[in-house]
Amino acid sequence: MTDVPGKTVSDDTLKQLVDASSKAVLGDVHVEPVDDMRAERQRASIDSDALAVYMNGGAKKLERKYVTFFGATNRLQFTLELRHL
């Protein structure tokens, strides 16, 4: 139970009130982050793989990061796993 000035309401009722008021202000604007990332990749004007190599100081360093941080045994495995997000 939650105290609202002048009333005591259940937490479920309070959540419904907050959801309704936020939808009234914002509308129903929920976007799935994974879908948004896929759309951004499709609109990219540059090759994301080439950018990754450049940003990481070369292909060898990038390969090492894939293995160290993500447990991928090779770049192809990592790329395939990343595309499934």
N, C-alpha and C. Protein backbone atom coordinates (compact mmCIF):
# COMPACT_ATOMS: atom_id res chain seq x y z
N MET A 1 0.84 -1.19 0.00
CA MET A 1 0.00 0.00 0.00
C MET A 1 0.88 1.25 0.00
N THR A 2 0.42 2.24 -0.69
CA THR A 2 1.14 3.50 -0.79
C THR A 2 0.20 4.63 -0.43
N ASP A 3 0.73 5.59 0.29
CA ASP A 3 -0.08 6.75 0.65
C ASP A 3 0.02 7.81 -0.44
N VAL A 4 -1.11 8.17 -0.98
CA VAL A 4 -1.24 9.28 -1.91
C VAL A 4 -2.02 10.33 -1.14
N PRO A 5 -1.67 11.59 -1.30
CA PRO A 5 -2.38 12.60 -0.50
C PRO A 5 -3.89 12.39 -0.49
N GLY A 6 -4.43 12.14 0.69
CA GLY A 6 -5.87 11.97 0.85
C GLY A 6 -6.36 10.54 0.64
N LYS A 7 -5.50 9.62 0.14
CA LYS A 7 -5.95 8.26 -0.14
C LYS A 7 -4.81 7.26 0.10
N THR A 8 -5.18 6.05 0.31
CA THR A 8 -4.23 4.95 0.35
C THR A 8 -4.60 4.02 -0.80
N VAL A 9 -3.64 3.76 -1.69
CA VAL A 9 -3.90 2.92 -2.86
C VAL A 9 -2.90 1.77 -2.89
N SER A 10 -3.27 0.71 -3.58
CA SER A 10 -2.36 -0.42 -3.71
C SER A 10 -1.23 -0.04 -4.67
N ASP A 11 -0.12 -0.76 -4.55
CA ASP A 11 1.02 -0.50 -5.44
C ASP A 11 0.65 -0.74 -6.90
N ASP A 12 -0.19 -1.74 -7.16
CA ASP A 12 -0.62 -2.01 -8.54
C ASP A 12 -1.42 -0.84 -9.11
N THR A 13 -2.30 -0.29 -8.29
CA THR A 13 -3.09 0.86 -8.74
C THR A 13 -2.21 2.06 -8.99
N LEU A 14 -1.24 2.28 -8.10
CA LEU A 14 -0.31 3.40 -8.28
C LEU A 14 0.49 3.23 -9.57
N LYS A 15 0.95 2.00 -9.84
CA LYS A 15 1.70 1.74 -11.07
C LYS A 15 0.83 2.02 -12.29
N GLN A 16 -0.43 1.61 -12.26
CA GLN A 16 -1.33 1.86 -13.38
C GLN A 16 -1.53 3.36 -13.59
N LEU A 17 -1.66 4.11 -12.50
CA LEU A 17 -1.83 5.56 -12.62
C LEU A 17 -0.59 6.22 -13.23
N VAL A 18 0.58 5.79 -12.77
CA VAL A 18 1.83 6.35 -13.30
C VAL A 18 1.99 5.97 -14.77
N ASP A 19 1.72 4.71 -15.12
CA ASP A 19 1.81 4.28 -16.51
C ASP A 19 0.87 5.07 -17.41
N ALA A 20 -0.35 5.26 -16.95
CA ALA A 20 -1.34 5.99 -17.75
C ALA A 20 -0.93 7.45 -17.95
N SER A 21 -0.44 8.08 -16.88
CA SER A 21 -0.06 9.49 -17.02
C SER A 21 1.18 9.65 -17.88
N SER A 22 2.12 8.72 -17.80
CA SER A 22 3.32 8.84 -18.63
C SER A 22 2.99 8.58 -20.10
N LYS A 23 2.07 7.65 -20.37
CA LYS A 23 1.65 7.41 -21.76
C LYS A 23 0.91 8.62 -22.32
N ALA A 24 0.16 9.32 -21.45
CA ALA A 24 -0.56 10.51 -21.90
C ALA A 24 0.42 11.60 -22.33
N VAL A 25 1.54 11.68 -21.63
CA VAL A 25 2.53 12.71 -21.95
C VAL A 25 3.44 12.27 -23.09
N LEU A 26 3.95 11.05 -23.03
CA LEU A 26 4.94 10.58 -23.99
C LEU A 26 4.35 9.82 -25.17
N GLY A 27 3.19 9.28 -25.01
CA GLY A 27 2.64 8.39 -26.01
C GLY A 27 3.24 7.01 -25.81
N ASP A 28 2.95 6.10 -26.68
CA ASP A 28 3.48 4.74 -26.57
C ASP A 28 4.72 4.67 -27.45
N VAL A 29 5.88 5.02 -26.89
CA VAL A 29 7.09 5.18 -27.68
C VAL A 29 8.15 4.12 -27.40
N HIS A 30 7.76 2.98 -26.87
CA HIS A 30 8.73 1.95 -26.56
C HIS A 30 9.40 1.43 -27.83
N VAL A 31 10.73 1.37 -27.81
CA VAL A 31 11.50 0.84 -28.92
C VAL A 31 12.44 -0.22 -28.36
N GLU A 32 12.45 -1.38 -28.98
CA GLU A 32 13.37 -2.43 -28.56
C GLU A 32 14.79 -2.02 -28.94
N PRO A 33 15.71 -1.99 -27.99
CA PRO A 33 17.09 -1.58 -28.29
C PRO A 33 17.75 -2.43 -29.37
N VAL A 34 17.51 -3.72 -29.37
CA VAL A 34 18.14 -4.59 -30.37
C VAL A 34 17.62 -4.26 -31.77
N ASP A 35 16.33 -4.01 -31.89
CA ASP A 35 15.77 -3.63 -33.19
C ASP A 35 16.33 -2.30 -33.65
N ASP A 36 16.51 -1.38 -32.71
CA ASP A 36 17.07 -0.07 -33.03
C ASP A 36 18.51 -0.20 -33.51
N MET A 37 19.29 -1.09 -32.87
CA MET A 37 20.68 -1.30 -33.28
C MET A 37 20.74 -1.89 -34.68
N ARG A 38 19.87 -2.86 -34.97
CA ARG A 38 19.85 -3.46 -36.30
C ARG A 38 19.54 -2.41 -37.37
N ALA A 39 18.58 -1.56 -37.08
CA ALA A 39 18.20 -0.51 -38.05
C ALA A 39 19.36 0.45 -38.27
N GLU A 40 20.07 0.80 -37.21
CA GLU A 40 21.23 1.70 -37.35
C GLU A 40 22.31 1.05 -38.20
N ARG A 41 22.55 -0.22 -38.00
CA ARG A 41 23.57 -0.92 -38.80
C ARG A 41 23.19 -0.93 -40.28
N GLN A 42 21.91 -1.07 -40.56
CA GLN A 42 21.45 -1.09 -41.95
C GLN A 42 21.62 0.27 -42.63
N ARG A 43 21.48 1.34 -41.84
CA ARG A 43 21.59 2.69 -42.40
C ARG A 43 23.03 3.19 -42.46
N ALA A 44 23.97 2.45 -41.88
CA ALA A 44 25.35 2.92 -41.81
C ALA A 44 25.92 3.16 -43.21
N SER A 45 26.65 4.26 -43.34
CA SER A 45 27.23 4.59 -44.64
C SER A 45 28.67 4.09 -44.76
N ILE A 46 29.18 3.46 -43.70
CA ILE A 46 30.54 2.91 -43.73
C ILE A 46 30.49 1.44 -43.32
N ASP A 47 31.55 0.73 -43.64
CA ASP A 47 31.65 -0.68 -43.28
C ASP A 47 32.00 -0.78 -41.79
N SER A 48 31.11 -1.36 -41.01
CA SER A 48 31.32 -1.42 -39.55
C SER A 48 32.50 -2.31 -39.19
N ASP A 49 32.77 -3.34 -39.99
CA ASP A 49 33.93 -4.19 -39.71
C ASP A 49 35.23 -3.41 -39.91
N ALA A 50 35.31 -2.63 -40.97
CA ALA A 50 36.50 -1.82 -41.22
C ALA A 50 36.68 -0.77 -40.12
N LEU A 51 35.59 -0.20 -39.66
CA LEU A 51 35.66 0.78 -38.58
C LEU A 51 36.15 0.13 -37.29
N ALA A 52 35.68 -1.07 -37.00
CA ALA A 52 36.12 -1.79 -35.80
C ALA A 52 37.62 -2.04 -35.85
N VAL A 53 38.14 -2.44 -37.00
CA VAL A 53 39.59 -2.67 -37.14
C VAL A 53 40.33 -1.37 -36.89
N TYR A 54 39.89 -0.30 -37.50
CA TYR A 54 40.54 1.00 -37.34
C TYR A 54 40.51 1.48 -35.89
N MET A 55 39.35 1.40 -35.26
CA MET A 55 39.19 1.90 -33.89
C MET A 55 39.97 1.10 -32.86
N ASN A 56 40.31 -0.14 -33.19
CA ASN A 56 41.03 -0.99 -32.25
C ASN A 56 42.51 -1.12 -32.55
N GLY A 57 43.00 -0.35 -33.51
CA GLY A 57 44.44 -0.33 -33.77
C GLY A 57 44.94 -1.46 -34.64
N GLY A 58 44.08 -2.05 -35.42
CA GLY A 58 44.50 -3.10 -36.34
C GLY A 58 43.77 -4.41 -36.11
N ALA A 59 43.87 -5.26 -37.11
CA ALA A 59 43.14 -6.53 -37.09
C ALA A 59 43.63 -7.46 -35.99
N LYS A 60 44.94 -7.52 -35.78
CA LYS A 60 45.49 -8.42 -34.75
C LYS A 60 45.00 -8.04 -33.36
N LYS A 61 45.00 -6.74 -33.05
CA LYS A 61 44.53 -6.29 -31.73
C LYS A 61 43.03 -6.55 -31.57
N LEU A 62 42.28 -6.35 -32.63
CA LEU A 62 40.85 -6.61 -32.57
C LEU A 62 40.57 -8.09 -32.34
N GLU A 63 41.31 -8.93 -33.04
CA GLU A 63 41.17 -10.38 -32.86
C GLU A 63 41.45 -10.78 -31.41
N ARG A 64 42.48 -10.20 -30.83
CA ARG A 64 42.84 -10.49 -29.44
C ARG A 64 41.71 -10.07 -28.49
N LYS A 65 41.09 -8.93 -28.77
CA LYS A 65 39.97 -8.48 -27.94
C LYS A 65 38.78 -9.42 -28.03
N TYR A 66 38.49 -9.90 -29.23
CA TYR A 66 37.38 -10.84 -29.39
C TYR A 66 37.58 -12.05 -28.48
N VAL A 67 38.80 -12.58 -28.50
CA VAL A 67 39.09 -13.78 -27.72
C VAL A 67 39.10 -13.46 -26.23
N THR A 68 39.78 -12.38 -25.85
CA THR A 68 39.93 -12.04 -24.44
C THR A 68 38.62 -11.66 -23.78
N PHE A 69 37.88 -10.75 -24.38
CA PHE A 69 36.70 -10.20 -23.74
C PHE A 69 35.42 -10.99 -23.99
N PHE A 70 35.34 -11.63 -25.12
CA PHE A 70 34.08 -12.27 -25.49
C PHE A 70 34.16 -13.79 -25.54
N GLY A 71 35.35 -14.34 -25.38
CA GLY A 71 35.50 -15.79 -25.39
C GLY A 71 35.34 -16.41 -26.76
N ALA A 72 35.29 -15.59 -27.78
CA ALA A 72 35.16 -16.12 -29.14
C ALA A 72 36.50 -16.75 -29.53
N THR A 73 36.44 -17.89 -30.19
CA THR A 73 37.68 -18.54 -30.60
C THR A 73 38.24 -17.94 -31.88
N ASN A 74 37.40 -17.22 -32.60
CA ASN A 74 37.89 -16.51 -33.79
C ASN A 74 36.92 -15.39 -34.15
N ARG A 75 37.33 -14.55 -35.03
CA ARG A 75 36.55 -13.37 -35.39
C ARG A 75 35.23 -13.76 -36.06
N LEU A 76 35.25 -14.79 -36.88
CA LEU A 76 34.03 -15.23 -37.56
C LEU A 76 32.98 -15.66 -36.54
N GLN A 77 33.40 -16.43 -35.53
CA GLN A 77 32.46 -16.86 -34.50
C GLN A 77 31.86 -15.65 -33.81
N PHE A 78 32.72 -14.68 -33.47
CA PHE A 78 32.21 -13.49 -32.79
C PHE A 78 31.24 -12.73 -33.68
N THR A 79 31.58 -12.56 -34.94
CA THR A 79 30.71 -11.83 -35.86
C THR A 79 29.35 -12.51 -35.99
N LEU A 80 29.36 -13.83 -36.08
CA LEU A 80 28.10 -14.55 -36.19
C LEU A 80 27.26 -14.40 -34.91
N GLU A 81 27.92 -14.45 -33.76
CA GLU A 81 27.20 -14.27 -32.50
C GLU A 81 26.64 -12.85 -32.39
N LEU A 82 27.41 -11.87 -32.80
CA LEU A 82 26.98 -10.48 -32.73
C LEU A 82 25.77 -10.23 -33.63
N ARG A 83 25.72 -10.85 -34.78
CA ARG A 83 24.61 -10.63 -35.72
C ARG A 83 23.31 -11.23 -35.21
N HIS A 84 23.39 -12.13 -34.23
CA HIS A 84 22.18 -12.74 -33.69
C HIS A 84 21.57 -11.89 -32.58
N LEU A 85 22.18 -10.78 -32.22
CA LEU A 85 21.61 -9.91 -31.17
C LEU A 85 20.31 -9.31 -31.64
